[in-house]
Amino acid sequence: MLAAHRGTYTADYSSLRLTCLNDIGSTLGRPLLMEKLANVQEDIVVRYAEMFREPQERGWIRGASDFSGV
């Protein structure tokens, strides 16, 4: 997963990063858009955290780890 995350920092993804920054910047003074982007971000965080749930249940990862904050 870390390799996939690092892969987003290549030149191929520069336009995607710029789009994300523009979207975030567009929320200034637009509370509904800010809320919608926050919900999308929360969904992404929950999906990443879910990827670790099974390994954690199997004892491969410490039980005290909270992946929603990673």
Protein backbone atom coordinates (compact mmCIF):
# COMPACT_ATOMS: atom_id res chain seq x y z
CA MET A 1 0.00 0.00 0.00
CA LEU A 2 2.85 2.37 0.77
CA ALA A 3 4.22 1.77 -2.72
CA ALA A 4 0.83 2.68 -4.19
CA HIS A 5 0.75 5.86 -2.12
CA ARG A 6 4.29 6.80 -3.14
CA GLY A 7 3.33 6.18 -6.76
CA THR A 8 0.99 9.16 -6.64
CA TYR A 9 3.98 11.48 -6.22
CA THR A 10 5.39 10.78 -9.66
CA ALA A 11 5.27 13.21 -12.57
CA ASP A 12 2.45 11.16 -14.11
CA TYR A 13 0.17 12.21 -11.26
CA SER A 14 1.11 15.89 -11.20
CA SER A 15 -2.08 16.95 -13.00
CA LEU A 16 -4.20 14.93 -10.56
CA ARG A 17 -2.44 16.57 -7.60
CA LEU A 18 -3.02 20.01 -9.13
CA THR A 19 -6.70 19.19 -9.63
CA CYS A 20 -6.98 18.11 -5.98
CA LEU A 21 -5.34 21.32 -4.80
CA ASN A 22 -7.61 23.40 -7.00
CA ASP A 23 -10.67 21.59 -5.64
CA ILE A 24 -9.57 22.20 -2.06
CA GLY A 25 -8.86 25.85 -2.83
CA SER A 26 -12.31 26.19 -4.41
CA THR A 27 -13.95 25.42 -1.06
CA LEU A 28 -13.00 28.83 0.35
CA GLY A 29 -16.30 30.57 1.00
CA ARG A 30 -18.26 27.56 -0.24
CA PRO A 31 -19.31 25.56 2.83
CA LEU A 32 -21.42 23.03 0.89
CA LEU A 33 -18.50 22.12 -1.37
CA MET A 34 -16.20 21.92 1.66
CA GLU A 35 -18.63 19.53 3.34
CA LYS A 36 -18.89 17.37 0.21
CA LEU A 37 -15.09 17.12 -0.12
CA ALA A 38 -14.81 16.32 3.60
CA ASN A 39 -17.29 13.47 3.12
CA VAL A 40 -15.29 12.12 0.18
CA GLN A 41 -12.09 12.30 2.23
CA GLU A 42 -13.78 10.48 5.13
CA ASP A 43 -14.90 7.74 2.75
CA ILE A 44 -11.33 7.31 1.50
CA VAL A 45 -9.99 7.12 5.06
CA VAL A 46 -12.59 4.52 6.03
CA ARG A 47 -11.74 2.40 2.96
CA TYR A 48 -8.02 2.46 3.79
CA ALA A 49 -8.75 1.59 7.43
CA GLU A 50 -10.94 -1.33 6.32
CA MET A 51 -8.02 -2.77 4.35
CA PHE A 52 -6.24 -3.34 7.68
CA ARG A 53 -9.19 -4.74 9.62
CA GLU A 54 -8.71 -8.41 8.68
CA PRO A 55 -4.92 -8.47 9.27
CA GLN A 56 -5.57 -6.81 12.62
CA GLU A 57 -8.20 -9.40 13.55
CA ARG A 58 -5.76 -12.18 12.63
CA GLY A 59 -3.18 -10.70 14.96
CA TRP A 60 -0.77 -9.70 12.23
CA ILE A 61 -1.08 -6.06 13.31
CA ARG A 62 -1.32 -4.74 16.88
CA GLY A 63 -4.86 -4.56 18.13
CA ALA A 64 -4.33 -1.08 19.56
CA SER A 65 -3.64 0.43 16.12
CA ASP A 66 -6.21 2.95 14.89
CA PHE A 67 -5.93 3.09 11.11
CA SER A 68 -8.57 5.75 10.64
CA GLY A 69 -6.02 8.24 11.99
CA VAL A 70 -3.16 7.15 9.79
